[in-house]
């Protein structure tokens, strides 16, 4: 096997992967990702002790212990372009030998749990509630740069999604990923469930109009009205499908949980989104410590 070239996997002078600035021993097997770098402190404030802190650009990592459980909390920044960096580098940290630049013979799987914010697409999902994403449907194109294959149900679901939303190829070719069954079963009481659409932007791609017209002005209505068996689209944001898609391909267990800060159907925005996020962090950490 040929070693991975220096230009493909960049390792800095301290032996850390380039963007995350982490060495393998500085990463826990359970990882909480947050979009906002300031949110890392919010999460790690609950740790009993912190053994490592690092920062490079928007990527901040704290690794420590919550009780006896070792956890890393990592900020990703916004968007699936950043998720591409984060998921690949997390996997490299545990499955590539940085000295030989070869893939390790024994595979190591991570638990990756996103705690973020999102906009609701159903009147029945109010602001300040918590949504666990059963699936992520990506309209951002990230996974289409990797070899992947959907199962039969996923193919039918995507076909129905394209037909009902009239999401044509000029925009993107949607892809889909699923939550880890071993993680989602722990997040039931106090959590709503539904599918999440991951968008490549915050304004036009999420149907917002400021000074520019939209190529798909009925997108919000079509996402809200989408049905496939018992599946509905609960919310949309900018990372989940990338995490689920890459996580599945790389063999990691992933889950995305969102505090709902806006309801795009009713036009409401949370009166205290920071409190909603704080409540989500506290409730999730209680569960994560026990997993």
C-alpha atoms as a PDB file:
ATOM      1  CA  UNK A   1       0.000   0.000   0.000  1.00  0.00           C
ATOM      2  CA  UNK A   2       1.327   3.420  -0.974  1.00  0.00           C
ATOM      3  CA  UNK A   3       1.573   5.933   1.891  1.00  0.00           C
ATOM      4  CA  UNK A   4      -0.865   8.855   1.641  1.00  0.00           C
ATOM      5  CA  UNK A   5       0.970  11.819   0.109  1.00  0.00           C
ATOM      6  CA  UNK A   6       1.838  14.902   2.160  1.00  0.00           C
ATOM      7  CA  UNK A   7      -0.345  17.016  -0.140  1.00  0.00           C
ATOM      8  CA  UNK A   8      -3.411  14.799   0.553  1.00  0.00           C
ATOM      9  CA  UNK A   9      -3.158  14.512   4.329  1.00  0.00           C
ATOM     10  CA  UNK A  10      -1.498  17.604   5.759  1.00  0.00           C
ATOM     11  CA  UNK A  11       0.167  17.111   9.137  1.00  0.00           C
ATOM     12  CA  UNK A  12       1.646  20.174  10.839  1.00  0.00           C
ATOM     13  CA  UNK A  13       4.948  20.574  12.665  1.00  0.00           C
ATOM     14  CA  UNK A  14       3.574  19.294  15.983  1.00  0.00           C
ATOM     15  CA  UNK A  15       2.198  16.124  14.386  1.00  0.00           C
ATOM     16  CA  UNK A  16      -1.407  17.349  14.286  1.00  0.00           C
ATOM     17  CA  UNK A  17      -3.891  17.164  11.408  1.00  0.00           C
ATOM     18  CA  UNK A  18      -3.893  20.519   9.619  1.00  0.00           C
ATOM     19  CA  UNK A  19      -7.316  22.171   9.978  1.00  0.00           C
ATOM     20  CA  UNK A  20      -8.365  20.776  13.356  1.00  0.00           C
ATOM     21  CA  UNK A  21      -4.835  21.043  14.818  1.00  0.00           C
ATOM     22  CA  UNK A  22      -5.387  17.799  16.734  1.00  0.00           C
ATOM     23  CA  UNK A  23      -3.116  14.858  17.411  1.00  0.00           C
ATOM     24  CA  UNK A  24      -4.696  11.392  17.719  1.00  0.00           C
ATOM     25  CA  UNK A  25      -4.276  11.221  21.501  1.00  0.00           C
ATOM     26  CA  UNK A  26      -6.110  14.559  21.909  1.00  0.00           C
ATOM     27  CA  UNK A  27      -9.412  13.193  20.557  1.00  0.00           C
ATOM     28  CA  UNK A  28     -12.051  11.195  22.440  1.00  0.00           C
ATOM     29  CA  UNK A  29     -14.201   8.478  20.869  1.00  0.00           C
ATOM     30  CA  UNK A  30     -17.360  10.479  21.672  1.00  0.00           C
ATOM     31  CA  UNK A  31     -17.450  13.844  19.919  1.00  0.00           C
ATOM     32  CA  UNK A  32     -19.986  16.657  20.200  1.00  0.00           C
ATOM     33  CA  UNK A  33     -19.940  19.052  17.257  1.00  0.00           C
ATOM     34  CA  UNK A  34     -21.303  22.586  17.425  1.00  0.00           C
ATOM     35  CA  UNK A  35     -21.366  25.178  14.678  1.00  0.00           C
ATOM     36  CA  UNK A  36     -20.600  28.246  16.793  1.00  0.00           C
ATOM     37  CA  UNK A  37     -17.030  28.376  18.223  1.00  0.00           C
ATOM     38  CA  UNK A  38     -18.373  30.199  21.308  1.00  0.00           C
ATOM     39  CA  UNK A  39     -20.580  27.198  22.033  1.00  0.00           C
ATOM     40  CA  UNK A  40     -17.565  24.986  22.788  1.00  0.00           C
ATOM     41  CA  UNK A  41     -17.112  26.764  26.140  1.00  0.00           C
ATOM     42  CA  UNK A  42     -20.820  26.323  26.872  1.00  0.00           C
ATOM     43  CA  UNK A  43     -20.495  22.575  26.500  1.00  0.00           C
ATOM     44  CA  UNK A  44     -17.128  22.050  28.190  1.00  0.00           C
ATOM     45  CA  UNK A  45     -18.203  24.195  31.172  1.00  0.00           C
ATOM     46  CA  UNK A  46     -20.094  21.078  32.319  1.00  0.00           C
ATOM     47  CA  UNK A  47     -17.012  18.844  32.119  1.00  0.00           C
ATOM     48  CA  UNK A  48     -15.477  17.740  35.421  1.00  0.00           C
ATOM     49  CA  UNK A  49     -12.046  18.384  33.955  1.00  0.00           C
ATOM     50  CA  UNK A  50     -10.536  19.441  30.630  1.00  0.00           C
ATOM     51  CA  UNK A  51      -7.284  17.848  29.506  1.00  0.00           C
ATOM     52  CA  UNK A  52      -6.802  19.504  26.121  1.00  0.00           C
ATOM     53  CA  UNK A  53      -7.697  22.766  24.383  1.00  0.00           C
ATOM     54  CA  UNK A  54      -6.777  23.779  20.841  1.00  0.00           C
ATOM     55  CA  UNK A  55      -7.886  26.330  18.245  1.00  0.00           C
ATOM     56  CA  UNK A  56      -7.140  26.794  14.550  1.00  0.00           C
ATOM     57  CA  UNK A  57      -9.349  29.177  12.564  1.00  0.00           C
ATOM     58  CA  UNK A  58     -12.978  28.379  13.451  1.00  0.00           C
ATOM     59  CA  UNK A  59     -12.097  24.897  14.700  1.00  0.00           C
ATOM     60  CA  UNK A  60     -11.935  24.897  18.514  1.00  0.00           C
ATOM     61  CA  UNK A  61     -11.652  21.622  20.432  1.00  0.00           C
ATOM     62  CA  UNK A  62     -11.909  20.864  24.141  1.00  0.00           C
ATOM     63  CA  UNK A  63     -11.365  17.277  25.301  1.00  0.00           C
ATOM     64  CA  UNK A  64     -12.145  16.269  28.840  1.00  0.00           C
ATOM     65  CA  UNK A  65     -14.270  14.162  31.155  1.00  0.00           C
ATOM     66  CA  UNK A  66     -17.923  14.257  32.109  1.00  0.00           C
ATOM     67  CA  UNK A  67     -17.932  11.881  35.036  1.00  0.00           C
ATOM     68  CA  UNK A  68     -15.967   8.890  33.750  1.00  0.00           C
ATOM     69  CA  UNK A  69     -16.846   9.532  30.100  1.00  0.00           C
ATOM     70  CA  UNK A  70     -14.185  11.114  27.889  1.00  0.00           C
ATOM     71  CA  UNK A  71     -15.693  13.564  25.411  1.00  0.00           C
ATOM     72  CA  UNK A  72     -14.387  15.999  22.818  1.00  0.00           C
ATOM     73  CA  UNK A  73     -16.439  19.045  21.844  1.00  0.00           C
ATOM     74  CA  UNK A  74     -15.510  20.606  18.513  1.00  0.00           C
ATOM     75  CA  UNK A  75     -16.748  23.663  16.618  1.00  0.00           C
ATOM     76  CA  UNK A  76     -17.235  23.078  12.900  1.00  0.00           C
ATOM     77  CA  UNK A  77     -18.290  26.503  11.684  1.00  0.00           C
ATOM     78  CA  UNK A  78     -21.247  26.703   9.310  1.00  0.00           C
ATOM     79  CA  UNK A  79     -21.943  24.553   6.267  1.00  0.00           C
ATOM     80  CA  UNK A  80     -21.150  21.177   4.737  1.00  0.00           C
ATOM     81  CA  UNK A  81     -17.915  22.486   3.209  1.00  0.00           C
ATOM     82  CA  UNK A  82     -16.614  22.630   6.786  1.00  0.00           C
ATOM     83  CA  UNK A  83     -18.231  19.273   7.581  1.00  0.00           C
ATOM     84  CA  UNK A  84     -16.190  17.758   4.747  1.00  0.00           C
ATOM     85  CA  UNK A  85     -13.024  18.931   6.515  1.00  0.00           C
ATOM     86  CA  UNK A  86     -14.152  17.925   9.999  1.00  0.00           C
ATOM     87  CA  UNK A  87     -15.427  14.410   9.217  1.00  0.00           C
ATOM     88  CA  UNK A  88     -12.448  13.485   7.067  1.00  0.00           C
ATOM     89  CA  UNK A  89      -9.923  14.782   9.594  1.00  0.00           C
ATOM     90  CA  UNK A  90     -11.674  13.143  12.551  1.00  0.00           C
ATOM     91  CA  UNK A  91     -11.578   9.848  10.700  1.00  0.00           C
ATOM     92  CA  UNK A  92      -7.929  10.344   9.767  1.00  0.00           C
ATOM     93  CA  UNK A  93      -7.047  10.911  13.427  1.00  0.00           C
ATOM     94  CA  UNK A  94      -8.315   7.465  14.422  1.00  0.00           C
ATOM     95  CA  UNK A  95      -7.867   5.375  11.271  1.00  0.00           C
ATOM     96  CA  UNK A  96      -4.631   6.594   9.667  1.00  0.00           C
ATOM     97  CA  UNK A  97      -1.160   6.162  11.166  1.00  0.00           C
ATOM     98  CA  UNK A  98       0.385   9.649  11.010  1.00  0.00           C
ATOM     99  CA  UNK A  99       3.927   8.255  11.134  1.00  0.00           C
ATOM    100  CA  UNK A 100       3.646   5.794   8.239  1.00  0.00           C
ATOM    101  CA  UNK A 101       0.765   7.604   6.468  1.00  0.00           C
ATOM    102  CA  UNK A 102      -0.939   4.251   5.967  1.00  0.00           C
ATOM    103  CA  UNK A 103      -4.467   3.224   6.910  1.00  0.00           C
ATOM    104  CA  UNK A 104      -4.457   1.408  10.245  1.00  0.00           C
ATOM    105  CA  UNK A 105      -5.302  -2.313  10.079  1.00  0.00           C
ATOM    106  CA  UNK A 106      -7.873  -2.096  12.898  1.00  0.00           C
ATOM    107  CA  UNK A 107     -10.888   0.158  12.227  1.00  0.00           C
ATOM    108  CA  UNK A 108     -11.986   2.554  15.003  1.00  0.00           C
ATOM    109  CA  UNK A 109     -15.514   3.952  15.006  1.00  0.00           C
ATOM    110  CA  UNK A 110     -16.492   7.284  16.566  1.00  0.00           C
ATOM    111  CA  UNK A 111     -19.741   8.575  18.067  1.00  0.00           C
ATOM    112  CA  UNK A 112     -20.419  12.027  16.582  1.00  0.00           C
ATOM    113  CA  UNK A 113     -23.348  14.042  17.942  1.00  0.00           C
ATOM    114  CA  UNK A 114     -24.220  17.440  16.499  1.00  0.00           C
ATOM    115  CA  UNK A 115     -25.902  19.948  18.835  1.00  0.00           C
ATOM    116  CA  UNK A 116     -27.093  22.837  16.695  1.00  0.00           C
ATOM    117  CA  UNK A 117     -29.931  25.126  15.719  1.00  0.00           C
ATOM    118  CA  UNK A 118     -32.482  24.882  12.927  1.00  0.00           C
ATOM    119  CA  UNK A 119     -35.671  26.299  11.478  1.00  0.00           C
ATOM    120  CA  UNK A 120     -38.916  24.347  11.809  1.00  0.00           C
ATOM    121  CA  UNK A 121     -40.955  23.542   8.695  1.00  0.00           C
ATOM    122  CA  UNK A 122     -44.082  22.345  10.539  1.00  0.00           C
ATOM    123  CA  UNK A 123     -46.582  24.294  12.638  1.00  0.00           C
ATOM    124  CA  UNK A 124     -46.583  21.328  15.036  1.00  0.00           C
ATOM    125  CA  UNK A 125     -42.874  21.870  15.803  1.00  0.00           C
ATOM    126  CA  UNK A 126     -42.694  25.110  17.809  1.00  0.00           C
ATOM    127  CA  UNK A 127     -39.736  27.345  18.545  1.00  0.00           C
ATOM    128  CA  UNK A 128     -37.595  26.268  21.518  1.00  0.00           C
ATOM    129  CA  UNK A 129     -38.397  22.571  20.946  1.00  0.00           C
ATOM    130  CA  UNK A 130     -35.755  19.934  20.174  1.00  0.00           C
ATOM    131  CA  UNK A 131     -35.692  17.892  16.956  1.00  0.00           C
ATOM    132  CA  UNK A 132     -33.699  14.706  16.423  1.00  0.00           C
ATOM    133  CA  UNK A 133     -33.009  14.143  12.723  1.00  0.00           C
ATOM    134  CA  UNK A 134     -34.006  10.645  11.593  1.00  0.00           C
ATOM    135  CA  UNK A 135     -32.563  11.418   8.141  1.00  0.00           C
ATOM    136  CA  UNK A 136     -30.655  14.199   6.476  1.00  0.00           C
ATOM    137  CA  UNK A 137     -31.551  15.104   2.889  1.00  0.00           C
ATOM    138  CA  UNK A 138     -28.741  17.096   1.342  1.00  0.00           C
ATOM    139  CA  UNK A 139     -29.399  19.696  -1.350  1.00  0.00           C
ATOM    140  CA  UNK A 140     -25.830  20.959  -1.038  1.00  0.00           C
ATOM    141  CA  UNK A 141     -24.114  18.392  -3.344  1.00  0.00           C
ATOM    142  CA  UNK A 142     -21.299  17.394  -0.920  1.00  0.00           C
ATOM    143  CA  UNK A 143     -21.831  13.629  -0.976  1.00  0.00           C
ATOM    144  CA  UNK A 144     -22.001  13.597  -4.779  1.00  0.00           C
ATOM    145  CA  UNK A 145     -18.212  14.068  -4.821  1.00  0.00           C
ATOM    146  CA  UNK A 146     -17.845  10.649  -3.145  1.00  0.00           C
ATOM    147  CA  UNK A 147     -18.813   7.169  -4.311  1.00  0.00           C
ATOM    148  CA  UNK A 148     -22.007   6.267  -2.525  1.00  0.00           C
ATOM    149  CA  UNK A 149     -25.123   4.199  -3.072  1.00  0.00           C
ATOM    150  CA  UNK A 150     -28.623   4.491  -1.647  1.00  0.00           C
ATOM    151  CA  UNK A 151     -30.688   1.476  -0.627  1.00  0.00           C
ATOM    152  CA  UNK A 152     -34.079   0.885  -2.241  1.00  0.00           C
ATOM    153  CA  UNK A 153     -36.096   2.831   0.345  1.00  0.00           C
ATOM    154  CA  UNK A 154     -33.697   5.776   0.122  1.00  0.00           C
ATOM    155  CA  UNK A 155     -33.970   5.777  -3.675  1.00  0.00           C
ATOM    156  CA  UNK A 156     -37.765   5.875  -3.457  1.00  0.00           C
ATOM    157  CA  UNK A 157     -37.660   8.594  -0.822  1.00  0.00           C
ATOM    158  CA  UNK A 158     -35.317  10.757  -2.897  1.00  0.00           C
ATOM    159  CA  UNK A 159     -37.417  10.243  -6.031  1.00  0.00           C
ATOM    160  CA  UNK A 160     -40.514  11.336  -4.122  1.00  0.00           C
ATOM    161  CA  UNK A 161     -38.615  14.311  -2.680  1.00  0.00           C
ATOM    162  CA  UNK A 162     -37.499  15.541  -6.113  1.00  0.00           C
ATOM    163  CA  UNK A 163     -40.989  15.035  -7.561  1.00  0.00           C
ATOM    164  CA  UNK A 164     -42.895  16.757  -4.751  1.00  0.00           C
ATOM    165  CA  UNK A 165     -40.497  19.671  -4.251  1.00  0.00           C
ATOM    166  CA  UNK A 166     -39.726  20.073  -7.991  1.00  0.00           C
ATOM    167  CA  UNK A 167     -36.068  20.243  -7.013  1.00  0.00           C
ATOM    168  CA  UNK A 168     -34.466  20.059 -10.445  1.00  0.00           C
ATOM    169  CA  UNK A 169     -30.895  19.199 -11.438  1.00  0.00           C
ATOM    170  CA  UNK A 170     -30.023  22.836 -12.120  1.00  0.00           C
ATOM    171  CA  UNK A 171     -29.821  23.267  -8.351  1.00  0.00           C
ATOM    172  CA  UNK A 172     -28.377  19.975  -7.063  1.00  0.00           C
ATOM    173  CA  UNK A 173     -28.839  16.216  -7.006  1.00  0.00           C
ATOM    174  CA  UNK A 174     -30.188  15.440  -3.512  1.00  0.00           C
ATOM    175  CA  UNK A 175     -28.638  12.713  -1.374  1.00  0.00           C
ATOM    176  CA  UNK A 176     -29.704  11.135   1.905  1.00  0.00           C
ATOM    177  CA  UNK A 177     -28.191   9.774   5.113  1.00  0.00           C
ATOM    178  CA  UNK A 178     -29.702   8.232   8.235  1.00  0.00           C
ATOM    179  CA  UNK A 179     -29.163   8.668  11.962  1.00  0.00           C
ATOM    180  CA  UNK A 180     -27.323   5.987  13.905  1.00  0.00           C
ATOM    181  CA  UNK A 181     -29.844   3.526  15.325  1.00  0.00           C
ATOM    182  CA  UNK A 182     -27.587   2.949  18.345  1.00  0.00           C
ATOM    183  CA  UNK A 183     -27.657   6.678  19.218  1.00  0.00           C
ATOM    184  CA  UNK A 184     -31.141   7.867  18.273  1.00  0.00           C
ATOM    185  CA  UNK A 185     -32.829   5.366  20.614  1.00  0.00           C
ATOM    186  CA  UNK A 186     -31.468   7.307  23.610  1.00  0.00           C
ATOM    187  CA  UNK A 187     -33.049  10.620  22.562  1.00  0.00           C
ATOM    188  CA  UNK A 188     -36.802  10.086  22.852  1.00  0.00           C
ATOM    189  CA  UNK A 189     -38.324  11.758  25.910  1.00  0.00           C
ATOM    190  CA  UNK A 190     -38.530  15.506  25.328  1.00  0.00           C
ATOM    191  CA  UNK A 191     -37.386  15.241  21.715  1.00  0.00           C
ATOM    192  CA  UNK A 192     -39.368  15.384  18.479  1.00  0.00           C
ATOM    193  CA  UNK A 193     -38.275  13.433  15.405  1.00  0.00           C
ATOM    194  CA  UNK A 194     -38.361  14.076  11.673  1.00  0.00           C
ATOM    195  CA  UNK A 195     -36.305  14.404   8.543  1.00  0.00           C
ATOM    196  CA  UNK A 196     -33.956  17.349   8.080  1.00  0.00           C
ATOM    197  CA  UNK A 197     -33.061  19.104   4.834  1.00  0.00           C
ATOM    198  CA  UNK A 198     -29.509  20.443   4.668  1.00  0.00           C
ATOM    199  CA  UNK A 199     -29.083  23.582   2.567  1.00  0.00           C
ATOM    200  CA  UNK A 200     -25.957  25.173   1.014  1.00  0.00           C
ATOM    201  CA  UNK A 201     -26.783  28.633   2.363  1.00  0.00           C
ATOM    202  CA  UNK A 202     -28.922  30.640   4.777  1.00  0.00           C
ATOM    203  CA  UNK A 203     -30.806  33.063   2.543  1.00  0.00           C
ATOM    204  CA  UNK A 204     -31.868  31.999  -0.966  1.00  0.00           C
ATOM    205  CA  UNK A 205     -31.220  28.281  -0.360  1.00  0.00           C
ATOM    206  CA  UNK A 206     -33.579  28.457   2.638  1.00  0.00           C
ATOM    207  CA  UNK A 207     -36.214  30.473   0.797  1.00  0.00           C
ATOM    208  CA  UNK A 208     -35.419  33.861   2.340  1.00  0.00           C
ATOM    209  CA  UNK A 209     -35.974  36.963   0.242  1.00  0.00           C
ATOM    210  CA  UNK A 210     -34.101  40.200   0.899  1.00  0.00           C
ATOM    211  CA  UNK A 211     -33.211  41.953  -2.377  1.00  0.00           C
ATOM    212  CA  UNK A 212     -32.901  38.965  -4.704  1.00  0.00           C
ATOM    213  CA  UNK A 213     -35.612  36.872  -6.316  1.00  0.00           C
ATOM    214  CA  UNK A 214     -35.640  33.074  -5.945  1.00  0.00           C
ATOM    215  CA  UNK A 215     -35.491  30.388  -8.618  1.00  0.00           C
ATOM    216  CA  UNK A 216     -37.744  28.160  -6.459  1.00  0.00           C
ATOM    217  CA  UNK A 217     -40.026  30.626  -4.619  1.00  0.00           C
ATOM    218  CA  UNK A 218     -42.370  27.874  -3.380  1.00  0.00           C
ATOM    219  CA  UNK A 219     -39.600  25.850  -1.730  1.00  0.00           C
ATOM    220  CA  UNK A 220     -40.795  26.362   1.868  1.00  0.00           C
ATOM    221  CA  UNK A 221     -44.349  25.279   1.073  1.00  0.00           C
ATOM    222  CA  UNK A 222     -43.184  22.229  -0.846  1.00  0.00           C
ATOM    223  CA  UNK A 223     -40.841  21.112   1.919  1.00  0.00           C
ATOM    224  CA  UNK A 224     -43.581  21.600   4.523  1.00  0.00           C
ATOM    225  CA  UNK A 225     -46.105  19.619   2.453  1.00  0.00           C
ATOM    226  CA  UNK A 226     -43.747  16.740   1.618  1.00  0.00           C
ATOM    227  CA  UNK A 227     -44.960  13.286   2.643  1.00  0.00           C
ATOM    228  CA  UNK A 228     -43.491   9.837   2.114  1.00  0.00           C
ATOM    229  CA  UNK A 229     -45.317   7.216   4.150  1.00  0.00           C
ATOM    230  CA  UNK A 230     -44.951   8.393   7.752  1.00  0.00           C
ATOM    231  CA  UNK A 231     -42.006  10.654   6.914  1.00  0.00           C
ATOM    232  CA  UNK A 232     -42.252  14.436   7.039  1.00  0.00           C
ATOM    233  CA  UNK A 233     -39.595  17.142   6.820  1.00  0.00           C
ATOM    234  CA  UNK A 234     -39.327  18.614  10.303  1.00  0.00           C
ATOM    235  CA  UNK A 235     -36.665  21.262   9.818  1.00  0.00           C
ATOM    236  CA  UNK A 236     -33.760  22.535   7.767  1.00  0.00           C
ATOM    237  CA  UNK A 237     -30.249  23.754   8.516  1.00  0.00           C
ATOM    238  CA  UNK A 238     -26.750  23.517   6.996  1.00  0.00           C
ATOM    239  CA  UNK A 239     -24.793  20.475   8.309  1.00  0.00           C
ATOM    240  CA  UNK A 240     -26.833  17.353   9.121  1.00  0.00           C
ATOM    241  CA  UNK A 241     -26.918  15.550   5.760  1.00  0.00           C
ATOM    242  CA  UNK A 242     -23.177  16.020   5.338  1.00  0.00           C
ATOM    243  CA  UNK A 243     -22.530  14.518   8.777  1.00  0.00           C
ATOM    244  CA  UNK A 244     -24.877  11.588   8.143  1.00  0.00           C
ATOM    245  CA  UNK A 245     -23.646  10.964   4.599  1.00  0.00           C
ATOM    246  CA  UNK A 246     -19.910  11.078   5.292  1.00  0.00           C
ATOM    247  CA  UNK A 247     -20.337   9.433   8.689  1.00  0.00           C
ATOM    248  CA  UNK A 248     -22.057   6.437   7.090  1.00  0.00           C
ATOM    249  CA  UNK A 249     -19.420   6.105   4.361  1.00  0.00           C
ATOM    250  CA  UNK A 250     -16.604   6.305   6.918  1.00  0.00           C
ATOM    251  CA  UNK A 251     -18.298   3.911   9.356  1.00  0.00           C
ATOM    252  CA  UNK A 252     -19.031   6.251  12.263  1.00  0.00           C
ATOM    253  CA  UNK A 253     -22.184   6.582  14.391  1.00  0.00           C
ATOM    254  CA  UNK A 254     -23.756  10.015  13.900  1.00  0.00           C
ATOM    255  CA  UNK A 255     -26.714  11.899  15.289  1.00  0.00           C
ATOM    256  CA  UNK A 256     -27.923  15.462  14.777  1.00  0.00           C
ATOM    257  CA  UNK A 257     -30.079  17.273  17.328  1.00  0.00           C
ATOM    258  CA  UNK A 258     -31.368  20.805  16.827  1.00  0.00           C
ATOM    259  CA  UNK A 259     -32.883  23.474  19.024  1.00  0.00           C
ATOM    260  CA  UNK A 260     -35.608  25.096  16.950  1.00  0.00           C
ATOM    261  CA  UNK A 261     -35.007  28.845  16.929  1.00  0.00           C
ATOM    262  CA  UNK A 262     -37.352  29.768  14.048  1.00  0.00           C
ATOM    263  CA  UNK A 263     -40.613  28.495  12.632  1.00  0.00           C
ATOM    264  CA  UNK A 264     -40.664  29.281   8.916  1.00  0.00           C
ATOM    265  CA  UNK A 265     -44.350  28.439   8.528  1.00  0.00           C
ATOM    266  CA  UNK A 266     -45.662  30.722  11.282  1.00  0.00           C
ATOM    267  CA  UNK A 267     -42.869  33.293  10.860  1.00  0.00           C
ATOM    268  CA  UNK A 268     -41.895  33.115  14.539  1.00  0.00           C
ATOM    269  CA  UNK A 269     -38.384  33.443  15.965  1.00  0.00           C
ATOM    270  CA  UNK A 270     -37.371  32.357  19.451  1.00  0.00           C
ATOM    271  CA  UNK A 271     -37.497  35.081  22.109  1.00  0.00           C
ATOM    272  CA  UNK A 272     -34.445  33.518  23.752  1.00  0.00           C
ATOM    273  CA  UNK A 273     -32.572  31.236  21.384  1.00  0.00           C
ATOM    274  CA  UNK A 274     -29.543  31.129  23.679  1.00  0.00           C
ATOM    275  CA  UNK A 275     -31.658  29.666  26.468  1.00  0.00           C
ATOM    276  CA  UNK A 276     -33.029  27.030  24.067  1.00  0.00           C
ATOM    277  CA  UNK A 277     -29.488  26.032  23.071  1.00  0.00           C
ATOM    278  CA  UNK A 278     -28.390  25.964  26.713  1.00  0.00           C
ATOM    279  CA  UNK A 279     -31.311  23.676  27.582  1.00  0.00           C
ATOM    280  CA  UNK A 280     -30.453  21.401  24.647  1.00  0.00           C
ATOM    281  CA  UNK A 281     -26.828  21.136  25.796  1.00  0.00           C
ATOM    282  CA  UNK A 282     -27.791  20.334  29.399  1.00  0.00           C
ATOM    283  CA  UNK A 283     -30.362  17.703  28.440  1.00  0.00           C
ATOM    284  CA  UNK A 284     -28.109  16.086  25.833  1.00  0.00           C
ATOM    285  CA  UNK A 285     -25.085  15.898  28.122  1.00  0.00           C
ATOM    286  CA  UNK A 286     -27.166  14.059  30.718  1.00  0.00           C
ATOM    287  CA  UNK A 287     -27.932  11.416  28.086  1.00  0.00           C
ATOM    288  CA  UNK A 288     -24.482  11.310  26.467  1.00  0.00           C
ATOM    289  CA  UNK A 289     -22.802  10.664  29.810  1.00  0.00           C
ATOM    290  CA  UNK A 290     -24.875   7.482  30.178  1.00  0.00           C
ATOM    291  CA  UNK A 291     -24.404   6.112  26.634  1.00  0.00           C
END
